[in-house]
Protein backbone atom coordinates (compact mmCIF):
# COMPACT_ATOMS: atom_id res chain seq x y z
CA MET A 1 -13.77 77.15 -26.61
CA LYS A 2 -13.38 75.96 -30.21
CA LYS A 3 -13.16 72.26 -30.91
CA TYR A 4 -13.22 69.89 -33.87
CA VAL A 5 -15.60 66.93 -33.69
CA MET A 6 -16.39 63.96 -35.90
CA THR A 7 -19.80 63.96 -37.55
CA SER A 8 -21.70 61.17 -39.26
CA LYS A 9 -24.51 60.88 -41.72
CA THR A 10 -26.32 57.66 -42.56
CA TYR A 11 -28.18 56.99 -45.79
CA PHE A 12 -30.69 54.18 -46.07
CA ALA A 13 -31.33 52.23 -49.26
CA ASN A 14 -31.29 48.43 -49.55
CA LYS A 15 -28.74 48.69 -46.76
CA SER A 16 -27.40 51.60 -44.73
CA TYR A 17 -24.31 53.62 -45.60
CA THR A 18 -22.56 55.81 -43.04
CA PHE A 19 -20.13 58.55 -43.97
CA TYR A 20 -18.03 60.62 -41.60
CA GLY A 21 -17.01 64.24 -41.58
CA ILE A 22 -15.67 66.97 -39.35
CA ALA A 23 -17.13 70.10 -37.82
CA LEU A 24 -15.65 73.02 -35.95
CA PHE A 25 -17.84 74.27 -33.16
CA VAL A 26 -17.55 76.80 -30.41
CA GLU A 27 -19.04 76.48 -26.93
CA GLU A 28 -19.73 79.70 -25.06
CA LYS A 29 -21.95 80.20 -22.05
CA GLY A 30 -23.55 76.79 -22.48
CA ARG A 31 -24.42 77.39 -26.16
CA LEU A 32 -23.00 75.42 -29.06
CA GLU A 33 -22.54 76.92 -32.50
CA VAL A 34 -21.21 75.10 -35.56
CA LEU A 35 -18.77 77.43 -37.28
CA GLU A 36 -17.90 75.20 -40.22
CA GLU A 37 -18.67 71.64 -41.26
CA TYR A 38 -17.59 69.23 -43.95
CA SER A 39 -19.73 66.13 -43.94
CA CYS A 40 -19.40 62.91 -45.90
CA LEU A 41 -15.61 63.03 -46.31
CA THR A 42 -15.23 59.23 -46.27
CA ASN A 43 -16.75 56.06 -44.91
CA ASP A 44 -13.50 55.33 -43.03
CA LYS A 45 -14.48 56.14 -39.45
CA LEU A 46 -11.03 55.50 -37.98
CA ARG A 47 -9.34 57.79 -40.50
CA VAL A 48 -11.68 60.68 -39.67
CA LYS A 49 -11.33 60.02 -35.94
CA HIS A 50 -7.53 60.37 -36.23
CA PHE A 51 -7.93 63.45 -38.44
CA VAL A 52 -10.16 65.16 -35.85
CA LYS A 53 -7.74 64.30 -33.07
CA LEU A 54 -4.85 65.79 -35.08
CA CYS A 55 -6.77 69.00 -35.83
CA ASN A 56 -7.45 69.48 -32.12
CA LYS A 57 -3.89 68.58 -31.08
CA LEU A 58 -2.43 71.09 -33.56
CA LYS A 59 -5.07 73.69 -32.65
CA LEU A 60 -5.83 74.14 -36.33
CA GLN A 61 -7.02 77.65 -37.10
CA GLN A 62 -10.37 78.08 -38.82
CA SER A 63 -8.66 80.04 -41.60
CA ASP A 64 -6.62 76.91 -42.49
CA PHE A 65 -9.54 74.49 -42.23
CA LEU A 66 -10.53 74.45 -45.93
CA ASN A 67 -6.94 73.83 -47.10
CA VAL A 68 -6.56 70.94 -44.67
CA ILE A 69 -9.89 69.45 -45.78
CA GLU A 70 -8.77 69.63 -49.42
CA ASP A 71 -5.54 67.83 -48.54
CA PHE A 72 -7.48 65.19 -46.64
CA VAL A 73 -9.82 64.53 -49.57
CA VAL A 74 -6.95 64.35 -52.08
CA SER A 75 -4.98 61.96 -49.87
CA ALA A 76 -8.07 59.76 -49.44
CA GLY A 77 -8.11 59.25 -53.20
CA GLU A 78 -4.52 58.05 -53.10
CA HIS A 79 -5.28 55.09 -50.80
């Protein structure tokens, strides 16, 4: 089964900074494999959470993933 999940990465300096991303993984026979990942899209956790939910709801195909990521990044710059 393929599924999109939210990822996070934290950087530590004088304070910590957490950025969120998205990964597509597949689970087969108890094994997990990351097929594609785009980390550090934004520090807006809620926005990425909704984005991941939408990708799963629409059953986004892996072949369309890069185009959707590009649209997400461009739209983030507009806010």
